Amino acid sequence: MLDMKIKLLPVAYFIAVTGVCFAQNFENVEKPVIPPGRIIMADMKANNPVMYSQYQSGKKQQVTGIVLTSAGGGLFVMGAMFRIIPDGDSGEIKLGSYIIETDGDFSNLRKTGTVFMVAGAIGLSAGIPVWVNGLKKKKQVFQDFKNQYYLSQQPSPYFKMNIYPNRVGIAYVF
């Protein structure tokens, strides 16, 4: 078994050297230039209005999700704050130059806090999926456009043989 491995060692060495030889020539292969995102968006708006409208739809959905999530989180926190207000004695509360008379009963405020917490939980539970779906839609349309207009310009994969004075290499260009 060891003899077989020793006999295959020159073959493995040849394969490794050949790989290094044609790997050095990959820098000469032209690859499509993919421009920055802003230019891609301008191309999408000009060349494919249907995809651009789908992208804008995803963007609106994402913004709606962000607003719902933010408002729901704020309502939930405010409701929680209203719920933890302790019962107090009747008396006066000074706010700057204003004096507010209290009777010590904050049950209505607690009920309001409960309503705010429920509304906030609904906003959070509806906003997060809308946000994520909008982001996915936006990214998918962008990637589809990029694949359709830029990556399709790549040449088809092919084998290339490089012959030099001291070496031979085979390259798979993709």
Protein backbone atom coordinates (compact mmCIF):
# COMPACT_ATOMS: atom_id res chain seq x y z
CA MET A 1 0.00 0.00 0.00
CA LEU A 2 2.88 2.35 0.85
CA ASP A 3 4.48 1.65 -2.54
CA MET A 4 1.26 2.75 -4.27
CA LYS A 5 1.25 6.03 -2.31
CA ILE A 6 4.87 6.69 -3.20
CA LYS A 7 4.13 6.06 -6.89
CA LEU A 8 1.17 8.48 -6.81
CA LEU A 9 3.20 11.24 -5.16
CA PRO A 10 4.67 12.58 -8.49
CA VAL A 11 1.16 12.66 -9.97
CA ALA A 12 -0.13 14.67 -7.00
CA TYR A 13 2.88 16.98 -7.30
CA PHE A 14 2.18 17.50 -11.03
CA ILE A 15 -1.46 18.34 -10.33
CA ALA A 16 -0.49 20.83 -7.62
CA VAL A 17 2.14 22.53 -9.82
CA THR A 18 -0.29 22.70 -12.74
CA GLY A 19 -2.86 24.31 -10.46
CA VAL A 20 -0.36 26.95 -9.38
CA CYS A 21 0.61 27.61 -13.00
CA PHE A 22 -2.86 28.39 -14.24
CA ALA A 23 -3.90 30.13 -11.05
CA GLN A 24 -1.29 32.78 -11.89
CA ASN A 25 -3.10 33.51 -15.15
CA PHE A 26 -6.51 34.21 -13.62
CA GLU A 27 -5.70 37.87 -13.21
CA ASN A 28 -5.86 38.28 -17.01
CA VAL A 29 -9.48 37.07 -17.18
CA GLU A 30 -11.94 39.94 -17.53
CA LYS A 31 -14.78 39.90 -15.04
CA PRO A 32 -17.86 42.08 -15.24
CA VAL A 33 -17.67 45.25 -13.23
CA ILE A 34 -20.57 45.58 -10.82
CA PRO A 35 -21.17 49.24 -9.99
CA PRO A 36 -22.14 50.57 -6.56
CA GLY A 37 -25.71 50.27 -5.30
CA ARG A 38 -26.78 53.80 -6.24
CA ILE A 39 -25.87 53.26 -9.88
CA ILE A 40 -27.64 49.91 -9.88
CA MET A 41 -30.78 51.60 -8.49
CA ALA A 42 -30.61 54.30 -11.19
CA ASP A 43 -30.24 51.59 -13.84
CA MET A 44 -33.17 49.70 -12.35
CA LYS A 45 -35.33 52.82 -12.41
CA ALA A 46 -34.42 53.53 -16.04
CA ASN A 47 -34.30 50.01 -17.49
CA ASN A 48 -36.88 48.01 -15.55
CA PRO A 49 -39.71 50.06 -14.02
CA VAL A 50 -41.59 46.91 -12.95
CA MET A 51 -38.72 45.72 -10.77
CA TYR A 52 -38.21 49.26 -9.49
CA SER A 53 -41.87 49.45 -8.40
CA GLN A 54 -41.48 46.09 -6.63
CA TYR A 55 -38.39 47.44 -4.89
CA GLN A 56 -40.28 50.57 -3.83
CA SER A 57 -43.13 48.39 -2.57
CA GLY A 58 -40.69 46.44 -0.40
CA LYS A 59 -39.18 49.70 0.85
CA LYS A 60 -42.62 51.06 1.82
CA GLN A 61 -43.43 47.80 3.56
CA GLN A 62 -40.14 47.99 5.47
CA VAL A 63 -40.78 51.59 6.57
CA THR A 64 -44.33 50.67 7.65
CA GLY A 65 -42.92 47.82 9.72
CA ILE A 66 -40.34 50.11 11.34
CA VAL A 67 -43.02 52.66 12.25
CA LEU A 68 -45.37 49.99 13.64
CA THR A 69 -42.59 48.39 15.66
CA SER A 70 -41.37 51.71 17.06
CA ALA A 71 -44.84 52.97 17.93
CA GLY A 72 -45.80 49.61 19.42
CA GLY A 73 -42.65 49.51 21.54
CA GLY A 74 -43.27 53.07 22.76
CA LEU A 75 -46.89 52.34 23.64
CA PHE A 76 -45.90 49.16 25.45
CA VAL A 77 -43.28 50.94 27.55
CA MET A 78 -45.62 53.83 28.32
CA GLY A 79 -48.38 51.41 29.30
CA ALA A 80 -45.98 49.56 31.58
CA MET A 81 -45.03 52.84 33.23
CA PHE A 82 -48.70 53.68 33.81
CA ARG A 83 -49.29 50.22 35.29
CA ILE A 84 -46.54 50.51 37.92
CA ILE A 85 -47.63 53.88 39.30
CA PRO A 86 -48.18 53.24 43.01
CA ASP A 87 -51.28 54.25 44.88
CA GLY A 88 -50.63 57.49 46.61
CA ASP A 89 -52.23 59.58 49.26
CA SER A 90 -54.50 62.40 48.32
CA GLY A 91 -52.66 65.63 48.21
CA GLU A 92 -50.87 67.94 45.90
CA ILE A 93 -48.31 67.37 43.18
CA LYS A 94 -46.14 70.33 42.22
CA LEU A 95 -45.05 70.59 38.61
CA GLY A 96 -43.06 73.78 38.38
CA SER A 97 -45.44 76.58 39.24
CA TYR A 98 -48.51 74.35 38.80
CA ILE A 99 -50.15 72.45 41.65
CA ILE A 100 -52.29 69.42 40.85
CA GLU A 101 -54.74 68.07 43.40
CA THR A 102 -54.89 64.28 43.57
CA ASP A 103 -57.27 61.95 45.31
CA GLY A 104 -54.78 59.04 45.37
CA ASP A 105 -56.85 56.84 43.02
CA PHE A 106 -54.90 55.88 39.90
CA SER A 107 -57.12 52.98 38.77
CA ASN A 108 -58.12 54.79 35.56
CA LEU A 109 -54.49 55.40 34.75
CA ARG A 110 -53.76 51.68 35.30
CA LYS A 111 -56.61 50.75 32.96
CA THR A 112 -55.20 53.12 30.38
CA GLY A 113 -51.80 51.52 30.89
CA THR A 114 -53.27 48.10 30.20
CA VAL A 115 -54.87 49.37 26.98
CA PHE A 116 -51.56 50.94 25.91
CA MET A 117 -49.68 47.71 26.63
CA VAL A 118 -52.14 45.66 24.56
CA ALA A 119 -51.98 48.17 21.69
CA GLY A 120 -48.18 48.18 21.91
CA ALA A 121 -48.01 44.38 21.86
CA ILE A 122 -50.26 44.32 18.78
CA GLY A 123 -48.06 46.96 17.10
CA LEU A 124 -44.90 45.00 17.88
CA SER A 125 -46.33 41.66 16.77
CA ALA A 126 -47.61 43.16 13.50
CA GLY A 127 -44.64 45.46 12.82
CA ILE A 128 -41.75 43.02 13.06
CA PRO A 129 -43.00 40.58 10.36
CA VAL A 130 -43.94 43.47 8.04
CA TRP A 131 -40.47 44.96 8.54
CA VAL A 132 -38.70 41.65 7.83
CA ASN A 133 -40.87 40.83 4.77
CA GLY A 134 -40.27 44.28 3.29
CA LEU A 135 -36.53 43.96 3.78
CA LYS A 136 -36.51 40.48 2.18
CA LYS A 137 -38.55 41.70 -0.78
CA LYS A 138 -36.27 44.69 -1.29
CA LYS A 139 -33.10 42.58 -1.16
CA GLN A 140 -34.54 39.91 -3.46
CA VAL A 141 -35.57 42.39 -6.16
CA PHE A 142 -32.17 44.11 -5.95
CA GLN A 143 -30.33 40.80 -6.27
CA ASP A 144 -32.56 39.66 -9.16
CA PHE A 145 -31.89 42.88 -11.05
CA LYS A 146 -28.16 42.62 -10.37
CA ASN A 147 -28.11 39.02 -11.62
CA GLN A 148 -30.19 39.88 -14.67
CA TYR A 149 -28.26 42.94 -15.86
CA TYR A 150 -24.71 42.61 -14.52
CA LEU A 151 -23.84 39.04 -13.69
CA SER A 152 -25.36 37.79 -16.95
CA GLN A 153 -22.52 39.60 -18.73
CA GLN A 154 -20.01 37.07 -17.44
CA PRO A 155 -18.63 34.72 -20.06
CA SER A 156 -19.76 31.11 -20.04
CA PRO A 157 -17.50 28.75 -18.11
CA TYR A 158 -14.78 27.14 -20.23
CA PHE A 159 -11.46 25.32 -20.01
CA LYS A 160 -8.33 27.15 -21.03
CA MET A 161 -4.90 25.62 -21.60
CA ASN A 162 -1.83 27.73 -20.91
CA ILE A 163 1.49 26.61 -22.38
CA TYR A 164 4.74 28.24 -21.29
CA PRO A 165 8.40 27.28 -21.89
CA ASN A 166 8.76 25.42 -18.59
CA ARG A 167 5.18 24.61 -17.64
CA VAL A 168 1.70 23.68 -18.83
CA GLY A 169 -1.53 24.62 -17.12
CA ILE A 170 -5.23 23.98 -17.52
CA ALA A 171 -7.63 26.62 -16.22
CA TYR A 172 -11.36 26.33 -15.66
CA VAL A 173 -12.68 29.86 -16.09
CA PHE A 174 -16.08 30.55 -14.57
